[in-house]
Amino acid sequence: MGSKKRSAWQKQKAEFAASLGGLDDLFARETAARDEAREAAHRKKSCERKNRYASRYEAEATAAECAEHGAPPLHVYRCPYCEGWHLTSKEK
């Protein structure tokens, strides 16, 4: 059995907390990891799985060609991730 002195108990408590790897910023680390995962999912959805066009003109020409074949109206937008151009069915 350990000592009953307050200083010994404080030391044991500090050693135990240190062995856990520091829980002070546990919530901050979890929040950062969750935000990073959310950002990666958003990037995949809005950029990586879409066709990239080098210029706005090329993207608009593709949207017009799709409209000629009966597709719903497509809109062109500049991608914040790849700096290319993508098409979307959502209005701005």
N, C-alpha and C. Protein backbone atom coordinates (compact mmCIF):
# COMPACT_ATOMS: atom_id res chain seq x y z
N MET A 1 0.85 -1.17 0.00
CA MET A 1 0.00 0.00 0.00
C MET A 1 0.88 1.22 0.00
N GLY A 2 0.46 2.26 -0.71
CA GLY A 2 1.23 3.49 -0.83
C GLY A 2 1.14 4.36 0.40
N SER A 3 1.89 5.42 0.39
CA SER A 3 1.92 6.36 1.50
C SER A 3 0.60 7.11 1.58
N LYS A 4 0.27 7.55 2.78
CA LYS A 4 -0.94 8.33 2.98
C LYS A 4 -0.66 9.82 2.98
N LYS A 5 0.60 10.21 2.80
CA LYS A 5 0.95 11.62 2.79
C LYS A 5 0.40 12.29 1.53
N ARG A 6 -0.07 13.52 1.69
CA ARG A 6 -0.62 14.27 0.59
C ARG A 6 0.41 14.48 -0.52
N SER A 7 1.65 14.78 -0.19
CA SER A 7 2.68 15.02 -1.19
C SER A 7 2.97 13.75 -2.00
N ALA A 8 2.95 12.59 -1.35
CA ALA A 8 3.18 11.33 -2.05
C ALA A 8 2.02 11.05 -3.01
N TRP A 9 0.80 11.33 -2.55
CA TRP A 9 -0.37 11.13 -3.40
C TRP A 9 -0.33 12.05 -4.60
N GLN A 10 0.03 13.32 -4.40
CA GLN A 10 0.15 14.27 -5.51
C GLN A 10 1.19 13.80 -6.53
N LYS A 11 2.30 13.26 -6.04
CA LYS A 11 3.35 12.77 -6.93
C LYS A 11 2.84 11.58 -7.75
N GLN A 12 2.14 10.66 -7.09
CA GLN A 12 1.59 9.51 -7.80
C GLN A 12 0.57 9.95 -8.86
N LYS A 13 -0.24 10.92 -8.50
CA LYS A 13 -1.24 11.44 -9.42
C LYS A 13 -0.57 12.07 -10.64
N ALA A 14 0.49 12.84 -10.42
CA ALA A 14 1.22 13.48 -11.52
C ALA A 14 1.88 12.44 -12.41
N GLU A 15 2.45 11.40 -11.82
CA GLU A 15 3.07 10.33 -12.60
C GLU A 15 2.05 9.59 -13.45
N PHE A 16 0.88 9.36 -12.87
CA PHE A 16 -0.17 8.68 -13.61
C PHE A 16 -0.64 9.53 -14.79
N ALA A 17 -0.86 10.82 -14.55
CA ALA A 17 -1.30 11.72 -15.62
C ALA A 17 -0.25 11.79 -16.73
N ALA A 18 1.03 11.81 -16.36
CA ALA A 18 2.11 11.85 -17.35
C ALA A 18 2.15 10.56 -18.16
N SER A 19 1.83 9.44 -17.54
CA SER A 19 1.87 8.16 -18.25
C SER A 19 0.76 8.07 -19.30
N LEU A 20 -0.29 8.87 -19.16
CA LEU A 20 -1.38 8.87 -20.13
C LEU A 20 -1.07 9.68 -21.37
N GLY A 21 0.02 10.41 -21.37
CA GLY A 21 0.40 11.19 -22.54
C GLY A 21 -0.18 12.59 -22.54
N GLY A 22 -0.66 13.06 -21.46
CA GLY A 22 -1.18 14.41 -21.36
C GLY A 22 -2.58 14.52 -21.94
N LEU A 23 -3.55 14.62 -21.09
CA LEU A 23 -4.94 14.71 -21.53
C LEU A 23 -5.41 16.15 -21.68
N ASP A 24 -4.53 17.10 -21.43
CA ASP A 24 -4.93 18.50 -21.46
C ASP A 24 -5.51 18.90 -22.82
N ASP A 25 -4.88 18.44 -23.89
CA ASP A 25 -5.34 18.86 -25.20
C ASP A 25 -6.03 17.72 -25.96
N LEU A 26 -6.56 16.75 -25.25
CA LEU A 26 -7.22 15.61 -25.88
C LEU A 26 -8.38 16.07 -26.75
N PHE A 27 -9.23 16.94 -26.23
CA PHE A 27 -10.38 17.40 -27.01
C PHE A 27 -9.94 18.24 -28.20
N ALA A 28 -8.89 19.01 -28.05
CA ALA A 28 -8.38 19.80 -29.17
C ALA A 28 -7.85 18.88 -30.27
N ARG A 29 -7.16 17.81 -29.89
CA ARG A 29 -6.64 16.86 -30.89
C ARG A 29 -7.79 16.14 -31.59
N GLU A 30 -8.81 15.75 -30.84
CA GLU A 30 -9.96 15.07 -31.44
C GLU A 30 -10.72 15.99 -32.38
N THR A 31 -10.89 17.24 -31.99
CA THR A 31 -11.56 18.22 -32.83
C THR A 31 -10.78 18.46 -34.11
N ALA A 32 -9.46 18.59 -33.99
CA ALA A 32 -8.63 18.81 -35.17
C ALA A 32 -8.69 17.61 -36.11
N ALA A 33 -8.67 16.41 -35.57
CA ALA A 33 -8.75 15.20 -36.41
C ALA A 33 -10.11 15.12 -37.10
N ARG A 34 -11.18 15.47 -36.39
CA ARG A 34 -12.52 15.44 -36.98
C ARG A 34 -12.64 16.49 -38.08
N ASP A 35 -12.09 17.69 -37.85
CA ASP A 35 -12.13 18.74 -38.86
C ASP A 35 -11.32 18.35 -40.09
N GLU A 36 -10.18 17.71 -39.87
CA GLU A 36 -9.34 17.27 -40.98
C GLU A 36 -10.05 16.21 -41.82
N ALA A 37 -10.73 15.28 -41.17
CA ALA A 37 -11.48 14.24 -41.88
C ALA A 37 -12.64 14.86 -42.66
N ARG A 38 -13.31 15.83 -42.06
CA ARG A 38 -14.42 16.50 -42.73
C ARG A 38 -13.93 17.25 -43.96
N GLU A 39 -12.79 17.93 -43.84
CA GLU A 39 -12.21 18.67 -44.96
C GLU A 39 -11.79 17.73 -46.08
N ALA A 40 -11.21 16.57 -45.74
CA ALA A 40 -10.81 15.59 -46.75
C ALA A 40 -12.03 15.05 -47.50
N ALA A 41 -13.11 14.78 -46.78
CA ALA A 41 -14.34 14.29 -47.41
C ALA A 41 -14.94 15.36 -48.32
N HIS A 42 -14.91 16.60 -47.88
CA HIS A 42 -15.44 17.69 -48.70
C HIS A 42 -14.60 17.87 -49.95
N ARG A 43 -13.29 17.77 -49.82
CA ARG A 43 -12.40 17.90 -50.98
C ARG A 43 -12.68 16.79 -51.99
N LYS A 44 -12.84 15.57 -51.50
CA LYS A 44 -13.11 14.45 -52.40
C LYS A 44 -14.42 14.66 -53.14
N LYS A 45 -15.45 15.12 -52.41
CA LYS A 45 -16.77 15.31 -53.01
C LYS A 45 -16.77 16.46 -54.01
N SER A 46 -16.13 17.56 -53.69
CA SER A 46 -16.24 18.74 -54.53
C SER A 46 -15.11 18.90 -55.54
N CYS A 47 -14.06 18.06 -55.48
CA CYS A 47 -12.95 18.25 -56.40
C CYS A 47 -12.44 16.94 -57.00
N GLU A 48 -11.98 16.04 -56.18
CA GLU A 48 -11.23 14.89 -56.67
C GLU A 48 -12.04 13.93 -57.53
N ARG A 49 -13.33 13.83 -57.31
CA ARG A 49 -14.12 12.89 -58.10
C ARG A 49 -14.75 13.54 -59.33
N LYS A 50 -14.49 14.82 -59.56
CA LYS A 50 -15.06 15.54 -60.69
C LYS A 50 -14.02 15.75 -61.78
N ASN A 51 -14.53 15.97 -63.00
CA ASN A 51 -13.63 16.31 -64.11
C ASN A 51 -13.11 17.72 -63.90
N ARG A 52 -11.82 17.91 -64.19
CA ARG A 52 -11.22 19.23 -64.04
C ARG A 52 -10.98 19.80 -65.44
N TYR A 53 -11.33 21.06 -65.60
CA TYR A 53 -11.11 21.75 -66.86
C TYR A 53 -10.07 22.83 -66.64
N ALA A 54 -9.19 23.00 -67.62
CA ALA A 54 -8.08 23.94 -67.48
C ALA A 54 -8.53 25.39 -67.57
N SER A 55 -9.62 25.65 -68.28
CA SER A 55 -10.08 27.04 -68.44
C SER A 55 -11.59 27.11 -68.27
N ARG A 56 -12.05 28.30 -67.99
CA ARG A 56 -13.49 28.52 -67.86
C ARG A 56 -14.18 28.26 -69.19
N TYR A 57 -13.54 28.67 -70.27
CA TYR A 57 -14.10 28.48 -71.60
C TYR A 57 -14.34 26.99 -71.88
N GLU A 58 -13.36 26.16 -71.56
CA GLU A 58 -13.47 24.72 -71.78
C GLU A 58 -14.64 24.13 -70.96
N ALA A 59 -14.77 24.56 -69.72
CA ALA A 59 -15.85 24.07 -68.86
C ALA A 59 -17.21 24.52 -69.38
N GLU A 60 -17.31 25.77 -69.81
CA GLU A 60 -18.59 26.28 -70.35
C GLU A 60 -18.95 25.57 -71.66
N ALA A 61 -17.96 25.27 -72.49
CA ALA A 61 -18.22 24.54 -73.74
C ALA A 61 -18.75 23.14 -73.43
N THR A 62 -18.20 22.50 -72.42
CA THR A 62 -18.67 21.17 -72.03
C THR A 62 -20.09 21.25 -71.48
N ALA A 63 -20.39 22.28 -70.68
CA ALA A 63 -21.74 22.46 -70.15
C ALA A 63 -22.74 22.68 -71.28
N ALA A 64 -22.36 23.46 -72.28
CA ALA A 64 -23.24 23.71 -73.43
C ALA A 64 -23.47 22.44 -74.23
N GLU A 65 -22.42 21.64 -74.39
CA GLU A 65 -22.54 20.37 -75.11
C GLU A 65 -23.48 19.41 -74.37
N CYS A 66 -23.39 19.39 -73.07
CA CYS A 66 -24.28 18.55 -72.26
C CYS A 66 -25.72 19.01 -72.40
N ALA A 67 -25.93 20.33 -72.43
CA ALA A 67 -27.28 20.88 -72.56
C ALA A 67 -27.87 20.51 -73.92
N GLU A 68 -27.05 20.46 -74.95
CA GLU A 68 -27.52 20.07 -76.28
C GLU A 68 -28.04 18.64 -76.29
N HIS A 69 -27.51 17.81 -75.41
CA HIS A 69 -27.91 16.41 -75.36
C HIS A 69 -29.01 16.17 -74.32
N GLY A 70 -29.60 17.24 -73.79
CA GLY A 70 -30.75 17.11 -72.89
C GLY A 70 -30.42 17.04 -71.41
N ALA A 71 -29.20 17.30 -71.03
CA ALA A 71 -28.84 17.29 -69.61
C ALA A 71 -29.41 18.52 -68.91
N PRO A 72 -29.68 18.41 -67.61
CA PRO A 72 -30.13 19.61 -66.88
C PRO A 72 -29.05 20.69 -66.91
N PRO A 73 -29.43 21.93 -66.68
CA PRO A 73 -28.44 23.01 -66.76
C PRO A 73 -27.27 22.81 -65.80
N LEU A 74 -26.07 23.01 -66.30
CA LEU A 74 -24.86 22.89 -65.49
C LEU A 74 -24.22 24.25 -65.34
N HIS A 75 -23.62 24.48 -64.19
CA HIS A 75 -22.97 25.75 -63.90
C HIS A 75 -21.48 25.52 -63.70
N VAL A 76 -20.70 26.51 -64.02
CA VAL A 76 -19.24 26.43 -63.93
C VAL A 76 -18.78 27.16 -62.67
N TYR A 77 -17.79 26.58 -61.99
CA TYR A 77 -17.22 27.27 -60.82
C TYR A 77 -15.74 26.99 -60.72
N ARG A 78 -15.03 27.93 -60.12
CA ARG A 78 -13.59 27.79 -59.89
C ARG A 78 -13.38 27.00 -58.61
N CYS A 79 -12.55 25.98 -58.69
CA CYS A 79 -12.32 25.11 -57.53
C CYS A 79 -11.29 25.73 -56.59
N PRO A 80 -11.60 25.84 -55.30
CA PRO A 80 -10.64 26.40 -54.35
C PRO A 80 -9.49 25.44 -54.01
N TYR A 81 -9.64 24.16 -54.36
CA TYR A 81 -8.61 23.18 -54.05
C TYR A 81 -7.57 23.05 -55.15
N CYS A 82 -8.02 22.86 -56.40
CA CYS A 82 -7.08 22.60 -57.49
C CYS A 82 -6.89 23.79 -58.41
N GLU A 83 -7.64 24.86 -58.18
CA GLU A 83 -7.58 26.06 -59.01
C GLU A 83 -8.01 25.79 -60.45
N GLY A 84 -8.65 24.66 -60.69
CA GLY A 84 -9.21 24.35 -62.01
C GLY A 84 -10.67 24.74 -62.04
N TRP A 85 -11.37 24.29 -63.06
CA TRP A 85 -12.79 24.58 -63.22
C TRP A 85 -13.58 23.28 -63.21
N HIS A 86 -14.74 23.30 -62.55
CA HIS A 86 -15.61 22.12 -62.47
C HIS A 86 -17.02 22.52 -62.86
N LEU A 87 -17.85 21.51 -63.09
CA LEU A 87 -19.27 21.72 -63.39
C LEU A 87 -20.10 21.25 -62.20
N THR A 88 -21.21 21.93 -61.99
CA THR A 88 -22.14 21.53 -60.93
C THR A 88 -23.57 21.78 -61.39
N SER A 89 -24.49 21.03 -60.85
CA SER A 89 -25.90 21.24 -61.17
C SER A 89 -26.54 22.24 -60.22
N LYS A 90 -25.82 22.59 -59.16
CA LYS A 90 -26.36 23.53 -58.18
C LYS A 90 -26.11 24.97 -58.63
N GLU A 91 -27.12 25.81 -58.40
CA GLU A 91 -26.96 27.22 -58.72
C GLU A 91 -26.15 27.90 -57.63
N LYS A 92 -25.56 28.99 -57.96
CA LYS A 92 -24.69 29.71 -57.02
C LYS A 92 -25.41 30.30 -55.89
